[in-house]
Amino acid sequence: MTQFPAATIQFRVYEDSVNEVGVATVTLPDITNKAVTITGSGIMGDISVPIISMIENMTMSMKFLSHTDPKTFAMFLEQRKHQIEIRVAEEFWDIEDAEVGMWPNKYVFIARPKSMKSGTIATATASDSSGEFDVYVYAAYRDGVELWYIDKRNMTFWVNGKDYMADVRSALGY
């Protein structure tokens, strides 16, 4: 059975695994390795070397329909750690059986608000309020299987069953 992703059917956003957030659009964080530039004898020019598991700052953003909705903008304005979960129903298609199906995906973040934009108020339109969040933990799951788990504060960079920071933690005496 060969399955390929097709599209997001629907998703819900939760805060602290309990509070369902109102209507939101989410931009997931980029995962970018820190890099150093090596130059000198024996190297033709410069070489950029990504440092294993050393991740640049991760940010995510959400857009909301209202800046006065206590379940979105006002809640995320609270100056505290937020656990944000995004539960996704993603459609796939099976090219061998010419069938479609659905994967349950989940993203989990530990984040704090970085900036909140109240947006614009205009007649007969939804607000374009939004929030940007600094992300400290970023995990992804498909059908209950953990795909990656990045925890910057606890030096964990786990992908497809391998912890790339295990040797570093061991060398440091953790």
N, C-alpha and C. Protein backbone atom coordinates (compact mmCIF):
# COMPACT_ATOMS: atom_id res chain seq x y z
N MET A 1 0.85 -1.17 0.00
CA MET A 1 0.00 0.00 0.00
C MET A 1 0.90 1.24 0.00
N THR A 2 0.80 2.07 -1.04
CA THR A 2 1.59 3.28 -1.15
C THR A 2 0.67 4.48 -0.95
N GLN A 3 0.87 5.19 0.16
CA GLN A 3 0.01 6.32 0.51
C GLN A 3 0.76 7.63 0.35
N PHE A 4 0.06 8.60 -0.23
CA PHE A 4 0.62 9.93 -0.41
C PHE A 4 -0.32 10.96 0.21
N PRO A 5 0.23 11.99 0.89
CA PRO A 5 -0.62 13.03 1.44
C PRO A 5 -1.36 13.79 0.35
N ALA A 6 -2.59 14.16 0.64
CA ALA A 6 -3.38 14.92 -0.33
C ALA A 6 -3.65 16.34 0.18
N ALA A 7 -4.30 16.45 1.35
CA ALA A 7 -4.65 17.78 1.85
C ALA A 7 -5.13 17.69 3.29
N THR A 8 -5.07 18.83 3.99
CA THR A 8 -5.67 18.92 5.31
C THR A 8 -7.18 19.00 5.14
N ILE A 9 -7.89 18.07 5.77
CA ILE A 9 -9.36 18.09 5.72
C ILE A 9 -9.88 19.17 6.67
N GLN A 10 -9.41 19.12 7.92
CA GLN A 10 -9.84 20.06 8.94
C GLN A 10 -8.85 19.99 10.09
N PHE A 11 -8.85 21.01 10.95
CA PHE A 11 -7.99 20.97 12.13
C PHE A 11 -8.62 21.78 13.25
N ARG A 12 -8.16 21.52 14.46
CA ARG A 12 -8.59 22.25 15.65
C ARG A 12 -7.35 22.64 16.43
N VAL A 13 -7.43 23.78 17.11
CA VAL A 13 -6.34 24.25 17.94
C VAL A 13 -6.81 24.22 19.39
N TYR A 14 -5.95 23.69 20.27
CA TYR A 14 -6.25 23.61 21.69
C TYR A 14 -5.13 24.28 22.47
N GLU A 15 -5.49 24.86 23.59
CA GLU A 15 -4.53 25.47 24.49
C GLU A 15 -4.59 24.70 25.80
N ASP A 16 -3.44 24.26 26.31
CA ASP A 16 -3.34 23.43 27.51
C ASP A 16 -4.16 22.15 27.40
N SER A 17 -4.30 21.62 26.20
CA SER A 17 -4.99 20.36 25.90
C SER A 17 -6.47 20.36 26.24
N VAL A 18 -7.00 21.49 26.69
CA VAL A 18 -8.38 21.52 27.14
C VAL A 18 -9.19 22.58 26.40
N ASN A 19 -8.70 23.80 26.41
CA ASN A 19 -9.45 24.92 25.86
C ASN A 19 -9.37 24.89 24.34
N GLU A 20 -10.51 24.66 23.72
CA GLU A 20 -10.52 24.73 22.26
C GLU A 20 -10.48 26.18 21.84
N VAL A 21 -9.50 26.49 21.02
CA VAL A 21 -9.33 27.85 20.54
C VAL A 21 -10.34 28.10 19.43
N GLY A 22 -10.82 29.33 19.33
CA GLY A 22 -11.74 29.67 18.25
C GLY A 22 -11.08 29.51 16.90
N VAL A 23 -11.66 30.06 15.88
CA VAL A 23 -11.15 29.92 14.52
C VAL A 23 -9.77 30.55 14.42
N ALA A 24 -8.83 29.80 13.87
CA ALA A 24 -7.45 30.30 13.74
C ALA A 24 -6.82 29.71 12.48
N THR A 25 -5.86 30.44 11.96
CA THR A 25 -4.99 29.95 10.90
C THR A 25 -3.60 29.91 11.51
N VAL A 26 -2.86 28.82 11.29
CA VAL A 26 -1.58 28.61 11.96
C VAL A 26 -0.45 28.52 10.95
N THR A 27 0.66 29.20 11.24
CA THR A 27 1.90 29.02 10.49
C THR A 27 2.87 28.30 11.41
N LEU A 28 3.26 27.09 11.02
CA LEU A 28 4.14 26.27 11.84
C LEU A 28 5.58 26.82 11.83
N PRO A 29 6.36 26.48 12.87
CA PRO A 29 7.74 26.99 12.95
C PRO A 29 8.66 26.37 11.90
N ASP A 30 9.64 27.15 11.48
CA ASP A 30 10.75 26.62 10.69
C ASP A 30 11.75 25.98 11.65
N ILE A 31 12.41 24.92 11.20
CA ILE A 31 13.47 24.29 11.98
C ILE A 31 14.76 24.52 11.21
N THR A 32 15.60 25.41 11.74
CA THR A 32 16.82 25.82 11.06
C THR A 32 18.02 25.56 11.96
N ASN A 33 18.96 24.78 11.47
CA ASN A 33 20.18 24.53 12.24
C ASN A 33 21.06 25.78 12.26
N LYS A 34 21.68 26.03 13.41
CA LYS A 34 22.73 27.04 13.47
C LYS A 34 23.88 26.54 12.61
N ALA A 35 24.62 27.43 12.04
CA ALA A 35 25.74 27.04 11.18
C ALA A 35 26.94 27.91 11.47
N VAL A 36 28.12 27.36 11.23
CA VAL A 36 29.36 28.12 11.33
C VAL A 36 30.01 28.11 9.95
N THR A 37 30.78 29.13 9.68
CA THR A 37 31.51 29.21 8.41
C THR A 37 32.96 28.85 8.68
N ILE A 38 33.44 27.88 7.93
CA ILE A 38 34.83 27.45 8.06
C ILE A 38 35.59 27.97 6.84
N THR A 39 36.74 28.57 7.10
CA THR A 39 37.57 29.07 6.03
C THR A 39 39.03 28.90 6.44
N GLY A 40 39.90 28.78 5.49
CA GLY A 40 41.31 28.67 5.82
C GLY A 40 42.03 27.69 4.93
N SER A 41 43.22 27.31 5.37
CA SER A 41 44.09 26.43 4.61
C SER A 41 43.39 25.11 4.27
N GLY A 42 43.52 24.70 3.01
CA GLY A 42 42.96 23.43 2.58
C GLY A 42 41.49 23.48 2.20
N ILE A 43 40.89 24.65 2.27
CA ILE A 43 39.48 24.80 1.92
C ILE A 43 39.37 25.83 0.81
N MET A 44 38.66 25.49 -0.25
CA MET A 44 38.49 26.42 -1.36
C MET A 44 37.34 27.37 -1.03
N GLY A 45 37.65 28.51 -0.51
CA GLY A 45 36.63 29.47 -0.14
C GLY A 45 36.07 29.18 1.24
N ASP A 46 34.77 29.39 1.40
CA ASP A 46 34.10 29.16 2.68
C ASP A 46 33.24 27.91 2.59
N ILE A 47 33.07 27.26 3.74
CA ILE A 47 32.13 26.13 3.86
C ILE A 47 31.22 26.43 5.04
N SER A 48 29.93 26.38 4.79
CA SER A 48 28.95 26.52 5.87
C SER A 48 28.67 25.13 6.43
N VAL A 49 28.81 24.98 7.75
CA VAL A 49 28.60 23.68 8.39
C VAL A 49 27.47 23.80 9.41
N PRO A 50 26.32 23.15 9.13
CA PRO A 50 25.25 23.13 10.13
C PRO A 50 25.69 22.32 11.35
N ILE A 51 25.50 22.87 12.53
CA ILE A 51 25.88 22.21 13.77
C ILE A 51 24.75 21.27 14.20
N ILE A 52 25.09 20.01 14.42
CA ILE A 52 24.09 18.98 14.73
C ILE A 52 23.22 19.41 15.90
N SER A 53 21.92 19.46 15.65
CA SER A 53 20.89 19.68 16.66
C SER A 53 20.90 21.04 17.32
N MET A 54 21.72 21.95 16.88
CA MET A 54 21.70 23.30 17.43
C MET A 54 20.74 24.12 16.58
N ILE A 55 19.60 24.46 17.14
CA ILE A 55 18.48 25.02 16.40
C ILE A 55 18.36 26.52 16.65
N GLU A 56 18.17 27.27 15.57
CA GLU A 56 17.87 28.70 15.68
C GLU A 56 16.52 28.87 16.39
N ASN A 57 16.23 30.09 16.79
CA ASN A 57 14.95 30.37 17.42
C ASN A 57 13.79 29.92 16.54
N MET A 58 12.82 29.26 17.14
CA MET A 58 11.63 28.82 16.40
C MET A 58 10.45 29.71 16.78
N THR A 59 9.70 30.14 15.78
CA THR A 59 8.50 30.93 16.04
C THR A 59 7.34 30.34 15.26
N MET A 60 6.16 30.47 15.83
CA MET A 60 4.93 30.10 15.12
C MET A 60 4.00 31.29 15.20
N SER A 61 3.04 31.34 14.30
CA SER A 61 2.08 32.44 14.34
C SER A 61 0.67 31.91 14.11
N MET A 62 -0.28 32.66 14.64
CA MET A 62 -1.70 32.35 14.46
C MET A 62 -2.44 33.62 14.11
N LYS A 63 -3.41 33.49 13.22
CA LYS A 63 -4.30 34.59 12.89
C LYS A 63 -5.67 34.26 13.48
N PHE A 64 -6.34 35.29 13.99
CA PHE A 64 -7.62 35.12 14.66
C PHE A 64 -8.69 35.97 13.99
N LEU A 65 -9.95 35.63 14.21
CA LEU A 65 -11.07 36.38 13.64
C LEU A 65 -11.42 37.61 14.47
N SER A 66 -10.98 37.64 15.73
CA SER A 66 -11.35 38.77 16.59
C SER A 66 -10.25 39.00 17.62
N HIS A 67 -9.99 40.24 17.95
CA HIS A 67 -9.01 40.51 19.00
C HIS A 67 -9.68 40.66 20.36
N THR A 68 -11.00 40.51 20.44
CA THR A 68 -11.68 40.56 21.73
C THR A 68 -12.24 39.20 22.13
N ASP A 69 -11.98 38.16 21.34
CA ASP A 69 -12.44 36.81 21.69
C ASP A 69 -11.59 36.28 22.84
N PRO A 70 -12.21 36.00 24.01
CA PRO A 70 -11.42 35.54 25.15
C PRO A 70 -10.78 34.16 24.92
N LYS A 71 -11.23 33.41 23.91
CA LYS A 71 -10.66 32.09 23.62
C LYS A 71 -9.49 32.17 22.65
N THR A 72 -9.18 33.33 22.13
CA THR A 72 -8.06 33.42 21.20
C THR A 72 -7.11 34.52 21.64
N PHE A 73 -7.26 35.67 21.06
CA PHE A 73 -6.33 36.78 21.27
C PHE A 73 -6.10 37.07 22.75
N ALA A 74 -7.17 37.26 23.52
CA ALA A 74 -7.02 37.62 24.94
C ALA A 74 -6.34 36.52 25.73
N MET A 75 -6.66 35.26 25.44
CA MET A 75 -6.05 34.15 26.16
C MET A 75 -4.55 34.07 25.86
N PHE A 76 -4.19 34.20 24.59
CA PHE A 76 -2.78 34.10 24.23
C PHE A 76 -1.99 35.35 24.58
N LEU A 77 -2.67 36.43 24.93
CA LEU A 77 -2.00 37.63 25.41
C LEU A 77 -1.46 37.43 26.82
N GLU A 78 -1.99 36.43 27.55
CA GLU A 78 -1.53 36.15 28.91
C GLU A 78 -0.03 35.83 28.87
N GLN A 79 0.73 36.50 29.72
CA GLN A 79 2.19 36.40 29.73
C GLN A 79 2.64 35.18 30.52
N ARG A 80 2.47 34.02 29.91
CA ARG A 80 2.81 32.76 30.55
C ARG A 80 3.13 31.73 29.47
N LYS A 81 3.57 30.57 29.91
CA LYS A 81 3.83 29.46 29.00
C LYS A 81 2.49 28.90 28.54
N HIS A 82 2.37 28.63 27.25
CA HIS A 82 1.17 28.02 26.69
C HIS A 82 1.54 26.69 26.05
N GLN A 83 0.74 25.66 26.33
CA GLN A 83 0.89 24.42 25.57
C GLN A 83 -0.17 24.47 24.48
N ILE A 84 0.26 24.48 23.25
CA ILE A 84 -0.63 24.61 22.11
C ILE A 84 -0.63 23.29 21.35
N GLU A 85 -1.80 22.73 21.11
CA GLU A 85 -1.93 21.51 20.33
C GLU A 85 -2.75 21.80 19.08
N ILE A 86 -2.28 21.28 17.98
CA ILE A 86 -3.02 21.37 16.73
C ILE A 86 -3.32 19.94 16.31
N ARG A 87 -4.59 19.61 16.25
CA ARG A 87 -5.02 18.27 15.85
C ARG A 87 -5.57 18.36 14.43
N VAL A 88 -5.01 17.53 13.56
CA VAL A 88 -5.26 17.65 12.13
C VAL A 88 -5.81 16.34 11.58
N ALA A 89 -6.81 16.45 10.72
CA ALA A 89 -7.26 15.31 9.91
C ALA A 89 -6.72 15.54 8.51
N GLU A 90 -5.78 14.69 8.08
CA GLU A 90 -5.13 14.85 6.78
C GLU A 90 -5.54 13.70 5.86
N GLU A 91 -6.03 14.06 4.70
CA GLU A 91 -6.42 13.04 3.73
C GLU A 91 -5.19 12.53 2.99
N PHE A 92 -5.19 11.21 2.73
CA PHE A 92 -4.16 10.63 1.88
C PHE A 92 -4.83 9.85 0.77
N TRP A 93 -4.09 9.57 -0.27
CA TRP A 93 -4.60 8.71 -1.34
C TRP A 93 -3.62 7.58 -1.54
N ASP A 94 -4.19 6.43 -1.81
CA ASP A 94 -3.42 5.21 -2.02
C ASP A 94 -3.38 4.95 -3.52
N ILE A 95 -2.19 5.04 -4.11
CA ILE A 95 -2.11 4.93 -5.57
C ILE A 95 -2.31 3.50 -6.06
N GLU A 96 -2.02 2.50 -5.23
CA GLU A 96 -2.19 1.11 -5.67
C GLU A 96 -3.65 0.69 -5.66
N ASP A 97 -4.36 1.08 -4.59
CA ASP A 97 -5.76 0.67 -4.46
C ASP A 97 -6.74 1.73 -4.96
N ALA A 98 -6.23 2.88 -5.40
CA ALA A 98 -7.07 4.00 -5.85
C ALA A 98 -8.13 4.35 -4.81
N GLU A 99 -7.70 4.37 -3.53
CA GLU A 99 -8.59 4.70 -2.42
C GLU A 99 -8.05 5.92 -1.68
N VAL A 100 -8.92 6.53 -0.90
CA VAL A 100 -8.50 7.62 -0.03
C VAL A 100 -8.67 7.19 1.42
N GLY A 101 -7.95 7.86 2.30
CA GLY A 101 -8.05 7.60 3.73
C GLY A 101 -7.69 8.85 4.49
N MET A 102 -7.56 8.69 5.81
CA MET A 102 -7.30 9.85 6.66
C MET A 102 -6.27 9.47 7.71
N TRP A 103 -5.28 10.35 7.90
CA TRP A 103 -4.31 10.22 8.99
C TRP A 103 -4.66 11.23 10.08
N PRO A 104 -4.65 10.82 11.34
CA PRO A 104 -4.74 11.81 12.42
C PRO A 104 -3.33 12.30 12.75
N ASN A 105 -3.10 13.58 12.59
CA ASN A 105 -1.81 14.21 12.90
C ASN A 105 -1.98 15.12 14.09
N LYS A 106 -0.92 15.32 14.85
CA LYS A 106 -0.96 16.24 15.98
C LYS A 106 0.38 16.93 16.10
N TYR A 107 0.33 18.23 16.38
CA TYR A 107 1.51 19.04 16.66
C TYR A 107 1.35 19.60 18.06
N VAL A 108 2.42 19.55 18.84
CA VAL A 108 2.39 20.06 20.22
C VAL A 108 3.53 21.06 20.37
N PHE A 109 3.21 22.19 20.99
CA PHE A 109 4.18 23.25 21.20
C PHE A 109 4.13 23.72 22.64
N ILE A 110 5.28 24.05 23.19
CA ILE A 110 5.36 24.85 24.40
C ILE A 110 5.90 26.19 23.92
N ALA A 111 5.13 27.25 24.18
CA ALA A 111 5.48 28.54 23.60
C ALA A 111 5.04 29.68 24.52
N ARG A 112 5.65 30.82 24.30
CA ARG A 112 5.25 32.05 24.98
C ARG A 112 4.96 33.11 23.95
N PRO A 113 4.00 34.00 24.25
CA PRO A 113 3.68 35.05 23.28
C PRO A 113 4.85 36.01 23.10
N LYS A 114 5.13 36.31 21.84
CA LYS A 114 6.20 37.25 21.51
C LYS A 114 5.61 38.59 21.09
N SER A 115 4.59 38.54 20.25
CA SER A 115 3.91 39.78 19.84
C SER A 115 2.47 39.46 19.51
N MET A 116 1.61 40.41 19.81
CA MET A 116 0.18 40.27 19.51
C MET A 116 -0.24 41.51 18.73
N LYS A 117 -0.85 41.30 17.58
CA LYS A 117 -1.29 42.40 16.73
C LYS A 117 -2.81 42.44 16.75
N SER A 118 -3.34 43.57 17.17
CA SER A 118 -4.80 43.72 17.28
C SER A 118 -5.49 43.69 15.93
N GLY A 119 -4.82 44.11 14.89
CA GLY A 119 -5.40 44.02 13.56
C GLY A 119 -6.25 45.21 13.20
N THR A 120 -7.06 45.00 12.18
CA THR A 120 -7.87 46.06 11.60
C THR A 120 -9.34 45.81 11.90
N ILE A 121 -10.08 46.88 12.12
CA ILE A 121 -11.54 46.79 12.24
C ILE A 121 -12.12 47.47 11.02
N ALA A 122 -12.95 46.74 10.28
CA ALA A 122 -13.59 47.29 9.08
C ALA A 122 -15.00 46.71 8.98
N THR A 123 -15.88 47.43 8.35
CA THR A 123 -17.25 47.00 8.19
C THR A 123 -17.35 45.69 7.42
N ALA A 124 -18.17 44.79 7.92
CA ALA A 124 -18.49 43.51 7.27
C ALA A 124 -17.28 42.63 7.00
N THR A 125 -16.28 42.70 7.90
CA THR A 125 -15.10 41.85 7.75
C THR A 125 -14.68 41.30 9.11
N ALA A 126 -14.02 40.17 9.09
CA ALA A 126 -13.43 39.63 10.31
C ALA A 126 -12.15 40.39 10.60
N SER A 127 -11.77 40.41 11.86
CA SER A 127 -10.52 41.04 12.25
C SER A 127 -9.35 40.26 11.67
N ASP A 128 -8.25 40.91 11.51
CA ASP A 128 -7.04 40.23 11.08
C ASP A 128 -6.01 40.24 12.21
N SER A 129 -6.50 40.02 13.43
CA SER A 129 -5.59 40.00 14.58
C SER A 129 -4.72 38.75 14.51
N SER A 130 -3.55 38.82 15.15
CA SER A 130 -2.64 37.69 15.08
C SER A 130 -1.69 37.70 16.27
N GLY A 131 -1.04 36.57 16.46
CA GLY A 131 -0.04 36.44 17.51
C GLY A 131 1.17 35.69 16.99
N GLU A 132 2.34 36.07 17.49
CA GLU A 132 3.57 35.35 17.18
C GLU A 132 4.12 34.81 18.49
N PHE A 133 4.62 33.58 18.46
CA PHE A 133 5.03 32.88 19.66
C PHE A 133 6.45 32.34 19.52
N ASP A 134 7.25 32.49 20.58
CA ASP A 134 8.55 31.82 20.64
C ASP A 134 8.30 30.39 21.10
N VAL A 135 8.84 29.43 20.35
CA VAL A 135 8.59 28.01 20.58
C VAL A 135 9.81 27.38 21.22
N TYR A 136 9.60 26.71 22.36
CA TYR A 136 10.68 26.02 23.06
C TYR A 136 10.62 24.51 22.84
N VAL A 137 9.40 23.98 22.69
CA VAL A 137 9.20 22.56 22.42
C VAL A 137 8.33 22.43 21.18
N TYR A 138 8.72 21.54 20.28
CA TYR A 138 7.97 21.32 19.04
C TYR A 138 7.98 19.81 18.78
N ALA A 139 6.80 19.21 18.80
CA ALA A 139 6.67 17.77 18.57
C ALA A 139 5.61 17.53 17.51
N ALA A 140 5.81 16.46 16.73
CA ALA A 140 4.84 16.10 15.69
C ALA A 140 4.55 14.60 15.76
N TYR A 141 3.29 14.25 15.54
CA TYR A 141 2.83 12.86 15.61
C TYR A 141 1.96 12.56 14.40
N ARG A 142 2.10 11.36 13.87
CA ARG A 142 1.18 10.88 12.85
C ARG A 142 0.62 9.55 13.34
N ASP A 143 -0.71 9.49 13.41
CA ASP A 143 -1.40 8.27 13.82
C ASP A 143 -0.84 7.74 15.15
N GLY A 144 -0.52 8.67 16.08
CA GLY A 144 -0.04 8.31 17.40
C GLY A 144 1.45 8.02 17.50
N VAL A 145 2.17 8.03 16.39
CA VAL A 145 3.61 7.76 16.39
C VAL A 145 4.36 9.09 16.38
N GLU A 146 5.29 9.25 17.33
CA GLU A 146 6.06 10.48 17.41
C GLU A 146 7.07 10.53 16.27
N LEU A 147 7.00 11.58 15.46
CA LEU A 147 7.92 11.76 14.34
C LEU A 147 9.15 12.55 14.75
N TRP A 148 8.93 13.63 15.51
CA TRP A 148 10.05 14.39 16.05
C TRP A 148 9.63 15.05 17.34
N TYR A 149 10.65 15.31 18.15
CA TYR A 149 10.47 15.99 19.42
C TYR A 149 11.71 16.85 19.64
N ILE A 150 11.50 18.16 19.62
CA ILE A 150 12.59 19.11 19.82
C ILE A 150 12.28 19.88 21.09
N ASP A 151 13.19 19.81 22.05
CA ASP A 151 13.04 20.53 23.32
C ASP A 151 14.32 21.29 23.56
N LYS A 152 14.31 22.57 23.25
CA LYS A 152 15.52 23.39 23.32
C LYS A 152 16.04 23.54 24.74
N ARG A 153 15.17 23.60 25.72
CA ARG A 153 15.60 23.81 27.10
C ARG A 153 16.22 22.55 27.71
N ASN A 154 15.80 21.38 27.25
CA ASN A 154 16.33 20.12 27.78
C ASN A 154 17.25 19.41 26.80
N MET A 155 17.72 20.13 25.80
CA MET A 155 18.69 19.63 24.82
C MET A 155 18.28 18.27 24.24
N THR A 156 17.08 18.22 23.70
CA THR A 156 16.59 17.00 23.05
C THR A 156 16.24 17.32 21.61
N PHE A 157 16.80 16.54 20.70
CA PHE A 157 16.48 16.65 19.27
C PHE A 157 16.29 15.23 18.77
N TRP A 158 15.06 14.77 18.83
CA TRP A 158 14.71 13.38 18.55
C TRP A 158 13.93 13.33 17.23
N VAL A 159 14.40 12.53 16.26
CA VAL A 159 13.74 12.42 14.96
C VAL A 159 13.72 10.95 14.54
N ASN A 160 12.53 10.44 14.23
CA ASN A 160 12.38 9.06 13.73
C ASN A 160 13.14 8.04 14.57
N GLY A 161 13.04 8.16 15.88
CA GLY A 161 13.63 7.17 16.77
C GLY A 161 15.07 7.42 17.18
N LYS A 162 15.70 8.49 16.70
CA LYS A 162 17.08 8.77 17.07
C LYS A 162 17.17 10.10 17.80
N ASP A 163 17.85 10.09 18.94
CA ASP A 163 18.09 11.31 19.71
C ASP A 163 19.46 11.84 19.33
N TYR A 164 19.49 12.87 18.53
CA TYR A 164 20.75 13.41 18.02
C TYR A 164 21.56 14.17 19.08
N MET A 165 20.95 14.48 20.22
CA MET A 165 21.68 15.18 21.29
C MET A 165 22.11 14.25 22.41
N ALA A 166 21.83 12.96 22.32
CA ALA A 166 22.18 12.02 23.39
C ALA A 166 23.67 12.04 23.69
N ASP A 167 24.51 11.99 22.68
CA ASP A 167 25.97 12.00 22.89
C ASP A 167 26.43 13.32 23.50
N VAL A 168 25.82 14.41 23.10
CA VAL A 168 26.19 15.72 23.66
C VAL A 168 25.83 15.77 25.14
N ARG A 169 24.62 15.35 25.50
CA ARG A 169 24.21 15.33 26.91
C ARG A 169 25.14 14.43 27.73
N SER A 170 25.50 13.28 27.16
CA SER A 170 26.40 12.35 27.84
C SER A 170 27.78 12.99 28.06
N ALA A 171 28.29 13.66 27.04
CA ALA A 171 29.60 14.32 27.17
C ALA A 171 29.60 15.40 28.23
N LEU A 172 28.43 16.01 28.45
CA LEU A 172 28.31 17.07 29.44
C LEU A 172 27.96 16.56 30.83
N GLY A 173 27.77 15.23 30.95
CA GLY A 173 27.47 14.65 32.25
C GLY A 173 26.01 14.63 32.63
N TYR A 174 25.12 14.75 31.67
CA TYR A 174 23.67 14.70 31.95
C TYR A 174 23.24 13.26 32.12
